[in-house]
Amino acid sequence: QVQPVESGGGLVQPGGSLRLSCVVSGSIVSPNTMGWYRQAPGKQRELVATSTTGGTTNYADSVKGRFTISRDNAKNTVSLQMNSLKPEDTAVYYCRVAAGWSLVYWGQGTQVTVSS
């Protein structure tokens, strides 16, 4: 069974950096899209960044130029480097894997808090 597991969240001051990692266990259908989503308290879950098997990336406007997504297809991992963090980046960050017509897998989430 495919299971994404996130790590790397924590508390960071505004302007700081964090790196999130996601290891996906199980056999993943290829091609697929791996990505990061986030959900802040009282808000809907939103896309942060995605990366396809072929290397195409997509970012939310709010994180462009600050966040970078990367993946290792051989290791089934996807990472999110977050720089210049802002308080509004505070949220639970989820790893998501989508493959085929309707296969979607979510991780359990990792908390990122940006506060002084």
C-alpha atoms as a PDB file:
ATOM      1  CA  GLN A   1       0.000   0.000   0.000  1.00  0.00           C
ATOM      2  CA  VAL A   2       1.272   3.464  -0.896  1.00  0.00           C
ATOM      3  CA  GLN A   3       1.904   5.625   2.164  1.00  0.00           C
ATOM      4  CA  PRO A   4       3.542   9.052   2.182  1.00  0.00           C
ATOM      5  CA  VAL A   5       5.285  10.006   5.434  1.00  0.00           C
ATOM      6  CA  GLU A   6       6.336  13.604   6.042  1.00  0.00           C
ATOM      7  CA  SER A   7       9.074  14.959   8.283  1.00  0.00           C
ATOM      8  CA  GLY A   8      10.903  18.204   8.878  1.00  0.00           C
ATOM      9  CA  GLY A   9       8.259  20.508  10.272  1.00  0.00           C
ATOM     10  CA  GLY A  10       8.794  22.709  13.280  1.00  0.00           C
ATOM     11  CA  LEU A  11       8.949  26.214  14.667  1.00  0.00           C
ATOM     12  CA  VAL A  12      10.952  28.839  12.800  1.00  0.00           C
ATOM     13  CA  GLN A  13      11.270  32.609  13.003  1.00  0.00           C
ATOM     14  CA  PRO A  14      10.067  34.843  10.176  1.00  0.00           C
ATOM     15  CA  GLY A  15      12.686  34.969   7.448  1.00  0.00           C
ATOM     16  CA  GLY A  16      13.997  31.556   8.368  1.00  0.00           C
ATOM     17  CA  SER A  17      14.113  28.305   6.422  1.00  0.00           C
ATOM     18  CA  LEU A  18      12.840  24.771   6.774  1.00  0.00           C
ATOM     19  CA  ARG A  19      13.080  21.700   4.618  1.00  0.00           C
ATOM     20  CA  LEU A  20      10.227  19.211   4.496  1.00  0.00           C
ATOM     21  CA  SER A  21      10.747  15.682   3.300  1.00  0.00           C
ATOM     22  CA  CYS A  22       8.314  12.977   2.252  1.00  0.00           C
ATOM     23  CA  VAL A  23       9.158   9.321   1.801  1.00  0.00           C
ATOM     24  CA  VAL A  24       6.579   7.331  -0.110  1.00  0.00           C
ATOM     25  CA  SER A  25       6.476   3.639   0.649  1.00  0.00           C
ATOM     26  CA  GLY A  26       4.834   1.045  -1.542  1.00  0.00           C
ATOM     27  CA  SER A  27       4.636   0.636  -5.291  1.00  0.00           C
ATOM     28  CA  ILE A  28       3.682   3.858  -7.061  1.00  0.00           C
ATOM     29  CA  VAL A  29       2.185   3.886 -10.524  1.00  0.00           C
ATOM     30  CA  SER A  30       4.197   5.958 -12.959  1.00  0.00           C
ATOM     31  CA  PRO A  31       3.814   8.599 -14.216  1.00  0.00           C
ATOM     32  CA  ASN A  32       2.624  10.379 -11.120  1.00  0.00           C
ATOM     33  CA  THR A  33       2.531  13.751  -9.445  1.00  0.00           C
ATOM     34  CA  MET A  34       4.007  14.354  -6.019  1.00  0.00           C
ATOM     35  CA  GLY A  35       3.270  17.505  -4.196  1.00  0.00           C
ATOM     36  CA  TRP A  36       2.796  19.515  -1.068  1.00  0.00           C
ATOM     37  CA  TYR A  37      -0.417  21.026   0.191  1.00  0.00           C
ATOM     38  CA  ARG A  38      -1.098  22.976   3.343  1.00  0.00           C
ATOM     39  CA  GLN A  39      -4.002  23.794   5.586  1.00  0.00           C
ATOM     40  CA  ALA A  40      -4.053  26.668   8.019  1.00  0.00           C
ATOM     41  CA  PRO A  41      -6.571  26.825  10.899  1.00  0.00           C
ATOM     42  CA  GLY A  42      -9.998  27.775   9.624  1.00  0.00           C
ATOM     43  CA  LYS A  43      -8.934  27.618   5.986  1.00  0.00           C
ATOM     44  CA  GLN A  44      -9.255  25.125   3.174  1.00  0.00           C
ATOM     45  CA  ARG A  45      -6.391  22.923   2.160  1.00  0.00           C
ATOM     46  CA  GLU A  46      -4.449  24.538  -0.667  1.00  0.00           C
ATOM     47  CA  LEU A  47      -1.809  23.562  -3.174  1.00  0.00           C
ATOM     48  CA  VAL A  48       1.729  24.663  -2.386  1.00  0.00           C
ATOM     49  CA  ALA A  49       3.814  22.951  -5.044  1.00  0.00           C
ATOM     50  CA  THR A  50       3.741  19.888  -7.265  1.00  0.00           C
ATOM     51  CA  SER A  51       6.227  17.969  -9.367  1.00  0.00           C
ATOM     52  CA  THR A  52       5.553  15.389 -12.041  1.00  0.00           C
ATOM     53  CA  THR A  53       7.599  12.309 -12.864  1.00  0.00           C
ATOM     54  CA  GLY A  54       8.953  14.174 -15.869  1.00  0.00           C
ATOM     55  CA  GLY A  55      10.088  17.106 -13.770  1.00  0.00           C
ATOM     56  CA  THR A  56       7.393  19.681 -14.455  1.00  0.00           C
ATOM     57  CA  THR A  57       6.809  21.831 -11.389  1.00  0.00           C
ATOM     58  CA  ASN A  58       3.975  24.088 -10.335  1.00  0.00           C
ATOM     59  CA  TYR A  59       3.839  26.559  -7.456  1.00  0.00           C
ATOM     60  CA  ALA A  60       1.216  28.610  -5.723  1.00  0.00           C
ATOM     61  CA  ASP A  61       1.753  32.296  -6.406  1.00  0.00           C
ATOM     62  CA  SER A  62       2.206  32.933  -2.705  1.00  0.00           C
ATOM     63  CA  VAL A  63       5.336  30.762  -2.515  1.00  0.00           C
ATOM     64  CA  LYS A  64       6.970  31.387  -5.886  1.00  0.00           C
ATOM     65  CA  GLY A  65      10.565  32.453  -5.476  1.00  0.00           C
ATOM     66  CA  ARG A  66      10.682  31.264  -1.860  1.00  0.00           C
ATOM     67  CA  PHE A  67       9.879  27.547  -1.981  1.00  0.00           C
ATOM     68  CA  THR A  68      11.493  24.872  -4.127  1.00  0.00           C
ATOM     69  CA  ILE A  69      10.132  21.382  -4.686  1.00  0.00           C
ATOM     70  CA  SER A  70      12.391  18.512  -5.656  1.00  0.00           C
ATOM     71  CA  ARG A  71      11.923  14.786  -6.052  1.00  0.00           C
ATOM     72  CA  ASP A  72      13.952  11.639  -6.433  1.00  0.00           C
ATOM     73  CA  ASN A  73      12.069   9.163  -8.591  1.00  0.00           C
ATOM     74  CA  ALA A  74      14.426   6.314  -7.763  1.00  0.00           C
ATOM     75  CA  LYS A  75      13.909   6.779  -4.014  1.00  0.00           C
ATOM     76  CA  ASN A  76      10.237   7.818  -4.149  1.00  0.00           C
ATOM     77  CA  THR A  77      10.906  10.954  -2.173  1.00  0.00           C
ATOM     78  CA  VAL A  78       9.807  14.540  -2.539  1.00  0.00           C
ATOM     79  CA  SER A  79      11.128  17.535  -0.621  1.00  0.00           C
ATOM     80  CA  LEU A  80      10.131  21.136  -0.125  1.00  0.00           C
ATOM     81  CA  GLN A  81      12.775  23.720   0.646  1.00  0.00           C
ATOM     82  CA  MET A  82      11.110  26.720   2.233  1.00  0.00           C
ATOM     83  CA  ASN A  83      13.036  29.978   2.505  1.00  0.00           C
ATOM     84  CA  SER A  84      12.071  33.466   3.632  1.00  0.00           C
ATOM     85  CA  LEU A  85       9.246  32.022   5.669  1.00  0.00           C
ATOM     86  CA  LYS A  86       6.389  34.285   6.702  1.00  0.00           C
ATOM     87  CA  PRO A  87       3.846  33.957   9.518  1.00  0.00           C
ATOM     88  CA  GLU A  88       1.175  33.303   6.883  1.00  0.00           C
ATOM     89  CA  ASP A  89       3.051  30.142   5.887  1.00  0.00           C
ATOM     90  CA  THR A  90       2.020  28.627   9.213  1.00  0.00           C
ATOM     91  CA  ALA A  91      -0.021  25.509   8.494  1.00  0.00           C
ATOM     92  CA  VAL A  92      -0.055  21.759   8.508  1.00  0.00           C
ATOM     93  CA  TYR A  93       1.800  20.632   5.397  1.00  0.00           C
ATOM     94  CA  TYR A  94       0.700  17.451   3.654  1.00  0.00           C
ATOM     95  CA  CYS A  95       2.474  15.301   1.126  1.00  0.00           C
ATOM     96  CA  ARG A  96       0.255  14.055  -1.694  1.00  0.00           C
ATOM     97  CA  VAL A  97       0.841  11.503  -4.410  1.00  0.00           C
ATOM     98  CA  ALA A  98      -1.505  11.233  -7.376  1.00  0.00           C
ATOM     99  CA  ALA A  99      -1.293   8.580 -10.085  1.00  0.00           C
ATOM    100  CA  GLY A 100      -3.474   7.104 -12.763  1.00  0.00           C
ATOM    101  CA  TRP A 101      -7.039   8.312 -13.113  1.00  0.00           C
ATOM    102  CA  SER A 102      -8.039   8.383  -9.472  1.00  0.00           C
ATOM    103  CA  LEU A 103      -5.278   7.153  -7.186  1.00  0.00           C
ATOM    104  CA  VAL A 104      -4.547   9.748  -4.513  1.00  0.00           C
ATOM    105  CA  TYR A 105      -2.543   9.206  -1.338  1.00  0.00           C
ATOM    106  CA  TRP A 106      -2.059  11.662   1.514  1.00  0.00           C
ATOM    107  CA  GLY A 107       0.425  11.769   4.327  1.00  0.00           C
ATOM    108  CA  GLN A 108      -0.535  12.497   7.911  1.00  0.00           C
ATOM    109  CA  GLY A 109       0.830  16.043   7.794  1.00  0.00           C
ATOM    110  CA  THR A 110       3.578  17.953   9.555  1.00  0.00           C
ATOM    111  CA  GLN A 111       3.152  21.224  11.412  1.00  0.00           C
ATOM    112  CA  VAL A 112       5.054  24.304  10.299  1.00  0.00           C
ATOM    113  CA  THR A 113       4.849  27.332  12.571  1.00  0.00           C
ATOM    114  CA  VAL A 114       6.441  30.642  11.643  1.00  0.00           C
ATOM    115  CA  SER A 115       6.547  32.940  14.624  1.00  0.00           C
ATOM    116  CA  SER A 116       8.895  35.174  16.555  1.00  0.00           C
END
